[in-house]
Amino acid sequence: KIKYELGMNELVYRPALNWSEFMLPKVMSGMLKVSVFTSLRKHVAKYFKDQRLRQLMEFPVLFLGATPQNTPALYSLMNYADMSLGTWYPMGGMGRIIDAMVKLAREEGVDLRTDSPVERILVEDGRAVGVRVNGEDLRADVVVAAADYHHAENLLAPEHRTYSDNYWKGRVMAPSSLLFYLGFDRELPRMEHHNLFFDEPLDQHAREIYDDPKWPTRPLLYTSCGT
């Protein structure tokens, strides 16, 4: 809980443009309490002896783009969020959030364009002034890029980017997932809402993703029964 409150209240929403953002007394004192210089693997091993429980505690960090042995113990806050706060769904499914945002936006007169990927963020005098979509330049007072950092930077002309192509080539990117959506005409009484299948080695799964990137030959599985 301490890690979660420190992470969410003091770290997550800072822009991380300068180290001085984190040199505040509250942040510094909190960092001393959360094993930030210990790996998640060592942290988990300190509290759990059963290998199945250790894998359960380590599994979430694979989605951060790192292995448990290379991830700071601070990220055990993900387990607190999962187990203490729970995983929540809106009634009617995740798509209802999009439906609600679209409805509200249209009520406010927003011009929504779908199937229209942004080709370039337009910059003048060091300031974003619009976007290019389907060959058309659309001017704006404010440009908000909600994509990940790497993708958003590639929408800028090279002279306006913070990091070079060589910098990004050296980064380890967090992976996506291979998803299958299956429908059944019957109940699955032995399936819970969230199901993790650890019948294969976690370390081999992680090694094949990060050390020698490819589809794991013997993957671990997560199954969600949303309804």
C-alpha atoms as a PDB file:
ATOM      1  CA  LYS A   1       0.000   0.000   0.000  1.00  0.00           C
ATOM      2  CA  ILE A   2       2.850   2.380   0.818  1.00  0.00           C
ATOM      3  CA  LYS A   3       4.358   1.799  -2.630  1.00  0.00           C
ATOM      4  CA  TYR A   4       1.027   2.269  -4.362  1.00  0.00           C
ATOM      5  CA  GLU A   5       0.313   5.561  -2.606  1.00  0.00           C
ATOM      6  CA  LEU A   6       3.835   6.834  -3.253  1.00  0.00           C
ATOM      7  CA  GLY A   7       3.741   5.751  -6.884  1.00  0.00           C
ATOM      8  CA  MET A   8       0.306   7.119  -7.710  1.00  0.00           C
ATOM      9  CA  ASN A   9       0.447  10.294  -5.629  1.00  0.00           C
ATOM     10  CA  GLU A  10       4.057  11.348  -6.126  1.00  0.00           C
ATOM     11  CA  LEU A  11       5.555   9.639  -9.212  1.00  0.00           C
ATOM     12  CA  VAL A  12       3.142   8.544 -11.939  1.00  0.00           C
ATOM     13  CA  TYR A  13       1.734  11.925 -12.904  1.00  0.00           C
ATOM     14  CA  ARG A  14       5.003  13.836 -13.010  1.00  0.00           C
ATOM     15  CA  PRO A  15       6.191  14.594 -16.578  1.00  0.00           C
ATOM     16  CA  ALA A  16       9.692  13.220 -15.793  1.00  0.00           C
ATOM     17  CA  LEU A  17      11.433  15.975 -17.725  1.00  0.00           C
ATOM     18  CA  ASN A  18      14.092  16.546 -15.059  1.00  0.00           C
ATOM     19  CA  TRP A  19      15.530  14.681 -12.067  1.00  0.00           C
ATOM     20  CA  SER A  20      14.697  17.667  -9.865  1.00  0.00           C
ATOM     21  CA  GLU A  21      11.020  16.664 -10.026  1.00  0.00           C
ATOM     22  CA  PHE A  22      11.829  13.724  -7.757  1.00  0.00           C
ATOM     23  CA  MET A  23      14.165  15.541  -5.339  1.00  0.00           C
ATOM     24  CA  LEU A  24      11.355  16.546  -3.003  1.00  0.00           C
ATOM     25  CA  PRO A  25      11.647  15.499   0.681  1.00  0.00           C
ATOM     26  CA  LYS A  26       8.383  13.524   0.560  1.00  0.00           C
ATOM     27  CA  VAL A  27       9.492  11.600  -2.507  1.00  0.00           C
ATOM     28  CA  MET A  28      13.020  10.954  -1.278  1.00  0.00           C
ATOM     29  CA  SER A  29      11.883   9.696   2.126  1.00  0.00           C
ATOM     30  CA  GLY A  30       9.280   7.484   0.479  1.00  0.00           C
ATOM     31  CA  MET A  31      11.824   5.953  -1.893  1.00  0.00           C
ATOM     32  CA  LEU A  32      13.831   4.717   1.097  1.00  0.00           C
ATOM     33  CA  LYS A  33      10.828   2.689   2.257  1.00  0.00           C
ATOM     34  CA  VAL A  34       9.934   0.889  -0.965  1.00  0.00           C
ATOM     35  CA  SER A  35      13.016  -1.222  -1.830  1.00  0.00           C
ATOM     36  CA  VAL A  36      13.593   0.731  -5.010  1.00  0.00           C
ATOM     37  CA  PHE A  37      17.145  -0.678  -5.351  1.00  0.00           C
ATOM     38  CA  THR A  38      16.012  -4.297  -4.880  1.00  0.00           C
ATOM     39  CA  SER A  39      14.718  -6.430  -7.731  1.00  0.00           C
ATOM     40  CA  LEU A  40      11.151  -7.604  -7.681  1.00  0.00           C
ATOM     41  CA  ARG A  41      12.364 -11.215  -7.734  1.00  0.00           C
ATOM     42  CA  LYS A  42      14.382 -10.768  -4.522  1.00  0.00           C
ATOM     43  CA  HIS A  43      11.527  -8.848  -2.924  1.00  0.00           C
ATOM     44  CA  VAL A  44       8.987 -11.575  -3.696  1.00  0.00           C
ATOM     45  CA  ALA A  45      11.358 -14.336  -2.538  1.00  0.00           C
ATOM     46  CA  LYS A  46      11.638 -12.566   0.811  1.00  0.00           C
ATOM     47  CA  TYR A  47       7.936 -13.152   1.513  1.00  0.00           C
ATOM     48  CA  PHE A  48       6.978 -16.281  -0.468  1.00  0.00           C
ATOM     49  CA  LYS A  49       8.553 -19.743  -0.575  1.00  0.00           C
ATOM     50  CA  ASP A  50       6.054 -21.557  -2.795  1.00  0.00           C
ATOM     51  CA  GLN A  51       7.171 -21.296  -6.431  1.00  0.00           C
ATOM     52  CA  ARG A  52       3.587 -20.998  -7.653  1.00  0.00           C
ATOM     53  CA  LEU A  53       2.958 -17.961  -5.464  1.00  0.00           C
ATOM     54  CA  ARG A  54       6.243 -16.419  -6.536  1.00  0.00           C
ATOM     55  CA  GLN A  55       5.249 -16.737 -10.196  1.00  0.00           C
ATOM     56  CA  LEU A  56       1.866 -15.231  -9.438  1.00  0.00           C
ATOM     57  CA  MET A  57       3.524 -12.192  -7.823  1.00  0.00           C
ATOM     58  CA  GLU A  58       6.085 -11.796 -10.613  1.00  0.00           C
ATOM     59  CA  PHE A  59       3.857 -12.270 -13.659  1.00  0.00           C
ATOM     60  CA  PRO A  60       2.335  -8.735 -13.917  1.00  0.00           C
ATOM     61  CA  VAL A  61       5.679  -7.015 -14.516  1.00  0.00           C
ATOM     62  CA  LEU A  62       6.129  -8.817 -17.846  1.00  0.00           C
ATOM     63  CA  PHE A  63       3.724  -6.215 -19.251  1.00  0.00           C
ATOM     64  CA  LEU A  64       6.084  -3.406 -18.197  1.00  0.00           C
ATOM     65  CA  GLY A  65       8.719  -4.523 -20.672  1.00  0.00           C
ATOM     66  CA  ALA A  66      11.095  -6.232 -18.242  1.00  0.00           C
ATOM     67  CA  THR A  67      11.736  -9.440 -16.337  1.00  0.00           C
ATOM     68  CA  PRO A  68      11.224  -9.818 -12.562  1.00  0.00           C
ATOM     69  CA  GLN A  69      14.965  -9.939 -11.930  1.00  0.00           C
ATOM     70  CA  ASN A  70      15.456  -6.629 -13.776  1.00  0.00           C
ATOM     71  CA  THR A  71      12.448  -4.758 -12.372  1.00  0.00           C
ATOM     72  CA  PRO A  72      12.623  -2.616  -9.195  1.00  0.00           C
ATOM     73  CA  ALA A  73      10.611  -3.933  -6.259  1.00  0.00           C
ATOM     74  CA  LEU A  74       8.648  -0.671  -6.353  1.00  0.00           C
ATOM     75  CA  TYR A  75       6.461  -2.302  -9.001  1.00  0.00           C
ATOM     76  CA  SER A  76       5.021  -4.755  -6.515  1.00  0.00           C
ATOM     77  CA  LEU A  77       2.468  -1.939  -6.209  1.00  0.00           C
ATOM     78  CA  MET A  78       0.777  -3.628  -9.201  1.00  0.00           C
ATOM     79  CA  ASN A  79      -0.046  -6.611  -7.005  1.00  0.00           C
ATOM     80  CA  TYR A  80      -1.547  -4.341  -4.377  1.00  0.00           C
ATOM     81  CA  ALA A  81      -3.752  -2.707  -7.010  1.00  0.00           C
ATOM     82  CA  ASP A  82      -4.896  -6.090  -8.361  1.00  0.00           C
ATOM     83  CA  MET A  83      -5.589  -7.793  -5.061  1.00  0.00           C
ATOM     84  CA  SER A  84      -6.658  -4.984  -2.755  1.00  0.00           C
ATOM     85  CA  LEU A  85      -8.378  -2.574  -5.130  1.00  0.00           C
ATOM     86  CA  GLY A  86      -9.595  -5.156  -7.643  1.00  0.00           C
ATOM     87  CA  THR A  87     -10.060  -5.123 -11.401  1.00  0.00           C
ATOM     88  CA  TRP A  88     -13.248  -3.365 -12.438  1.00  0.00           C
ATOM     89  CA  TYR A  89     -15.337  -3.394 -15.604  1.00  0.00           C
ATOM     90  CA  PRO A  90     -18.070  -0.950 -16.631  1.00  0.00           C
ATOM     91  CA  MET A  91     -21.544  -2.413 -17.020  1.00  0.00           C
ATOM     92  CA  GLY A  92     -21.920  -3.457 -20.648  1.00  0.00           C
ATOM     93  CA  GLY A  93     -18.186  -3.881 -21.289  1.00  0.00           C
ATOM     94  CA  MET A  94     -15.191  -1.627 -21.926  1.00  0.00           C
ATOM     95  CA  GLY A  95     -16.749  -0.297 -25.127  1.00  0.00           C
ATOM     96  CA  ARG A  96     -19.317   1.570 -23.056  1.00  0.00           C
ATOM     97  CA  ILE A  97     -16.588   4.010 -21.972  1.00  0.00           C
ATOM     98  CA  ILE A  98     -15.917   4.900 -25.608  1.00  0.00           C
ATOM     99  CA  ASP A  99     -19.654   5.179 -26.290  1.00  0.00           C
ATOM    100  CA  ALA A 100     -20.050   7.592 -23.378  1.00  0.00           C
ATOM    101  CA  MET A 101     -17.092   9.738 -24.478  1.00  0.00           C
ATOM    102  CA  VAL A 102     -18.408   9.910 -28.049  1.00  0.00           C
ATOM    103  CA  LYS A 103     -21.897  10.841 -26.844  1.00  0.00           C
ATOM    104  CA  LEU A 104     -20.583  13.616 -24.610  1.00  0.00           C
ATOM    105  CA  ALA A 105     -18.206  14.940 -27.269  1.00  0.00           C
ATOM    106  CA  ARG A 106     -20.970  15.165 -29.872  1.00  0.00           C
ATOM    107  CA  GLU A 107     -23.221  16.946 -27.404  1.00  0.00           C
ATOM    108  CA  GLU A 108     -20.462  19.541 -27.055  1.00  0.00           C
ATOM    109  CA  GLY A 109     -20.090  19.940 -30.828  1.00  0.00           C
ATOM    110  CA  VAL A 110     -16.837  18.014 -31.271  1.00  0.00           C
ATOM    111  CA  ASP A 111     -15.954  16.972 -34.845  1.00  0.00           C
ATOM    112  CA  LEU A 112     -14.987  13.298 -34.535  1.00  0.00           C
ATOM    113  CA  ARG A 113     -13.049  11.612 -37.353  1.00  0.00           C
ATOM    114  CA  THR A 114     -12.524   7.858 -37.393  1.00  0.00           C
ATOM    115  CA  ASP A 115     -10.303   5.794 -39.714  1.00  0.00           C
ATOM    116  CA  SER A 116      -8.115   8.897 -39.946  1.00  0.00           C
ATOM    117  CA  PRO A 117      -4.565   8.191 -38.733  1.00  0.00           C
ATOM    118  CA  VAL A 118      -2.440  11.250 -38.004  1.00  0.00           C
ATOM    119  CA  GLU A 119       0.459  11.530 -40.450  1.00  0.00           C
ATOM    120  CA  ARG A 120       2.319  14.434 -38.854  1.00  0.00           C
ATOM    121  CA  ILE A 121       2.116  16.799 -35.901  1.00  0.00           C
ATOM    122  CA  LEU A 122       2.635  20.282 -37.319  1.00  0.00           C
ATOM    123  CA  VAL A 123       5.104  22.531 -35.487  1.00  0.00           C
ATOM    124  CA  GLU A 124       5.802  26.230 -35.895  1.00  0.00           C
ATOM    125  CA  ASP A 125       8.303  28.189 -33.793  1.00  0.00           C
ATOM    126  CA  GLY A 126       8.702  25.257 -31.418  1.00  0.00           C
ATOM    127  CA  ARG A 127       4.970  24.888 -30.768  1.00  0.00           C
ATOM    128  CA  ALA A 128       2.500  22.263 -32.013  1.00  0.00           C
ATOM    129  CA  VAL A 129      -0.130  24.049 -34.094  1.00  0.00           C
ATOM    130  CA  GLY A 130      -2.060  21.224 -35.728  1.00  0.00           C
ATOM    131  CA  VAL A 131      -2.001  17.785 -37.336  1.00  0.00           C
ATOM    132  CA  ARG A 132      -1.945  16.379 -40.849  1.00  0.00           C
ATOM    133  CA  VAL A 133      -4.679  13.808 -41.480  1.00  0.00           C
ATOM    134  CA  ASN A 134      -5.259  12.141 -44.855  1.00  0.00           C
ATOM    135  CA  GLY A 135      -3.151  14.837 -46.498  1.00  0.00           C
ATOM    136  CA  GLU A 136      -5.174  17.667 -44.919  1.00  0.00           C
ATOM    137  CA  ASP A 137      -3.613  20.093 -42.435  1.00  0.00           C
ATOM    138  CA  LEU A 138      -5.935  20.752 -39.495  1.00  0.00           C
ATOM    139  CA  ARG A 139      -4.989  23.732 -37.324  1.00  0.00           C
ATOM    140  CA  ALA A 140      -5.581  23.704 -33.570  1.00  0.00           C
ATOM    141  CA  ASP A 141      -4.943  25.844 -30.508  1.00  0.00           C
ATOM    142  CA  VAL A 142      -3.793  22.772 -28.579  1.00  0.00           C
ATOM    143  CA  VAL A 143      -2.559  19.375 -29.787  1.00  0.00           C
ATOM    144  CA  VAL A 144      -2.866  16.411 -27.407  1.00  0.00           C
ATOM    145  CA  ALA A 145      -1.005  13.230 -28.374  1.00  0.00           C
ATOM    146  CA  ALA A 146      -2.479  10.310 -26.425  1.00  0.00           C
ATOM    147  CA  ALA A 147      -0.353   7.637 -28.129  1.00  0.00           C
ATOM    148  CA  ASP A 148       2.766   6.160 -26.539  1.00  0.00           C
ATOM    149  CA  TYR A 149       5.882   8.355 -26.417  1.00  0.00           C
ATOM    150  CA  HIS A 150       7.766   6.585 -29.216  1.00  0.00           C
ATOM    151  CA  HIS A 151       4.857   6.727 -31.664  1.00  0.00           C
ATOM    152  CA  ALA A 152       4.060  10.348 -30.823  1.00  0.00           C
ATOM    153  CA  GLU A 153       7.680  11.402 -31.369  1.00  0.00           C
ATOM    154  CA  ASN A 154       7.702   9.759 -34.788  1.00  0.00           C
ATOM    155  CA  LEU A 155       4.813  12.045 -35.769  1.00  0.00           C
ATOM    156  CA  LEU A 156       7.126  15.032 -35.284  1.00  0.00           C
ATOM    157  CA  ALA A 157       9.690  16.146 -37.829  1.00  0.00           C
ATOM    158  CA  PRO A 158      13.169  14.896 -36.764  1.00  0.00           C
ATOM    159  CA  GLU A 159      14.359  18.349 -35.704  1.00  0.00           C
ATOM    160  CA  HIS A 160      11.551  18.612 -33.156  1.00  0.00           C
ATOM    161  CA  ARG A 161      12.050  15.232 -31.475  1.00  0.00           C
ATOM    162  CA  THR A 162      13.515  14.824 -28.007  1.00  0.00           C
ATOM    163  CA  TYR A 163      15.200  11.483 -28.757  1.00  0.00           C
ATOM    164  CA  SER A 164      16.978  10.144 -31.839  1.00  0.00           C
ATOM    165  CA  ASP A 165      16.184   6.952 -33.729  1.00  0.00           C
ATOM    166  CA  ASN A 166      19.300   5.368 -32.199  1.00  0.00           C
ATOM    167  CA  TYR A 167      17.956   6.055 -28.714  1.00  0.00           C
ATOM    168  CA  TRP A 168      14.704   4.242 -29.446  1.00  0.00           C
ATOM    169  CA  LYS A 169      16.506   1.322 -31.094  1.00  0.00           C
ATOM    170  CA  GLY A 170      18.276   0.736 -27.776  1.00  0.00           C
ATOM    171  CA  ARG A 171      15.085   0.682 -25.704  1.00  0.00           C
ATOM    172  CA  VAL A 172      13.293  -2.466 -24.569  1.00  0.00           C
ATOM    173  CA  MET A 173       9.648  -1.973 -25.499  1.00  0.00           C
ATOM    174  CA  ALA A 174       6.827  -3.393 -23.406  1.00  0.00           C
ATOM    175  CA  PRO A 175       5.073  -6.040 -25.503  1.00  0.00           C
ATOM    176  CA  SER A 176       1.488  -6.290 -26.541  1.00  0.00           C
ATOM    177  CA  SER A 177      -0.396  -9.567 -26.189  1.00  0.00           C
ATOM    178  CA  LEU A 178      -1.691 -12.223 -28.531  1.00  0.00           C
ATOM    179  CA  LEU A 179      -5.417 -12.221 -27.796  1.00  0.00           C
ATOM    180  CA  PHE A 180      -8.126 -14.719 -28.684  1.00  0.00           C
ATOM    181  CA  TYR A 181     -11.801 -13.850 -28.179  1.00  0.00           C
ATOM    182  CA  LEU A 182     -13.814 -17.036 -27.710  1.00  0.00           C
ATOM    183  CA  GLY A 183     -17.558 -17.377 -27.277  1.00  0.00           C
ATOM    184  CA  PHE A 184     -19.277 -20.382 -25.682  1.00  0.00           C
ATOM    185  CA  ASP A 185     -22.933 -21.382 -25.717  1.00  0.00           C
ATOM    186  CA  ARG A 186     -22.648 -22.806 -22.198  1.00  0.00           C
ATOM    187  CA  GLU A 187     -21.314 -21.898 -18.765  1.00  0.00           C
ATOM    188  CA  LEU A 188     -17.771 -22.804 -17.715  1.00  0.00           C
ATOM    189  CA  PRO A 189     -18.362 -23.540 -14.030  1.00  0.00           C
ATOM    190  CA  ARG A 190     -14.717 -24.110 -13.083  1.00  0.00           C
ATOM    191  CA  MET A 191     -13.480 -20.849 -14.595  1.00  0.00           C
ATOM    192  CA  GLU A 192     -13.118 -17.770 -12.421  1.00  0.00           C
ATOM    193  CA  HIS A 193     -13.244 -14.186 -13.650  1.00  0.00           C
ATOM    194  CA  HIS A 194      -9.415 -14.084 -13.771  1.00  0.00           C
ATOM    195  CA  ASN A 195      -7.430 -17.260 -14.458  1.00  0.00           C
ATOM    196  CA  LEU A 196      -3.648 -17.620 -14.679  1.00  0.00           C
ATOM    197  CA  PHE A 197      -2.186 -20.864 -16.017  1.00  0.00           C
ATOM    198  CA  PHE A 198       1.365 -21.454 -14.781  1.00  0.00           C
ATOM    199  CA  ASP A 199       2.004 -24.933 -16.119  1.00  0.00           C
ATOM    200  CA  GLU A 200       5.127 -23.694 -17.961  1.00  0.00           C
ATOM    201  CA  PRO A 201       8.326 -22.054 -16.593  1.00  0.00           C
ATOM    202  CA  LEU A 202       8.012 -18.282 -16.120  1.00  0.00           C
ATOM    203  CA  ASP A 203      11.713 -17.659 -16.735  1.00  0.00           C
ATOM    204  CA  GLN A 204      11.664 -19.400 -20.122  1.00  0.00           C
ATOM    205  CA  HIS A 205       8.554 -17.428 -21.100  1.00  0.00           C
ATOM    206  CA  ALA A 206      10.251 -14.139 -20.139  1.00  0.00           C
ATOM    207  CA  ARG A 207      13.589 -15.031 -21.709  1.00  0.00           C
ATOM    208  CA  GLU A 208      12.040 -15.757 -25.092  1.00  0.00           C
ATOM    209  CA  ILE A 209      10.197 -12.431 -25.053  1.00  0.00           C
ATOM    210  CA  TYR A 210      13.036 -10.129 -23.961  1.00  0.00           C
ATOM    211  CA  ASP A 211      16.420 -11.803 -24.463  1.00  0.00           C
ATOM    212  CA  ASP A 212      15.710 -13.380 -27.847  1.00  0.00           C
ATOM    213  CA  PRO A 213      12.421 -11.748 -28.930  1.00  0.00           C
ATOM    214  CA  LYS A 214       9.973 -14.238 -30.399  1.00  0.00           C
ATOM    215  CA  TRP A 215       6.691 -15.928 -29.572  1.00  0.00           C
ATOM    216  CA  PRO A 216       7.247 -18.099 -26.480  1.00  0.00           C
ATOM    217  CA  THR A 217       7.409 -21.762 -27.430  1.00  0.00           C
ATOM    218  CA  ARG A 218       5.663 -22.753 -24.183  1.00  0.00           C
ATOM    219  CA  PRO A 219       3.696 -19.644 -23.156  1.00  0.00           C
ATOM    220  CA  LEU A 220       1.938 -18.866 -19.921  1.00  0.00           C
ATOM    221  CA  LEU A 221      -1.747 -18.079 -20.330  1.00  0.00           C
ATOM    222  CA  TYR A 222      -4.197 -15.651 -18.786  1.00  0.00           C
ATOM    223  CA  THR A 223      -7.916 -16.129 -19.341  1.00  0.00           C
ATOM    224  CA  SER A 224     -10.623 -13.642 -18.438  1.00  0.00           C
ATOM    225  CA  CYS A 225     -14.266 -14.669 -18.259  1.00  0.00           C
ATOM    226  CA  GLY A 226     -15.935 -11.291 -18.415  1.00  0.00           C
ATOM    227  CA  THR A 227     -19.516 -12.583 -18.408  1.00  0.00           C
END
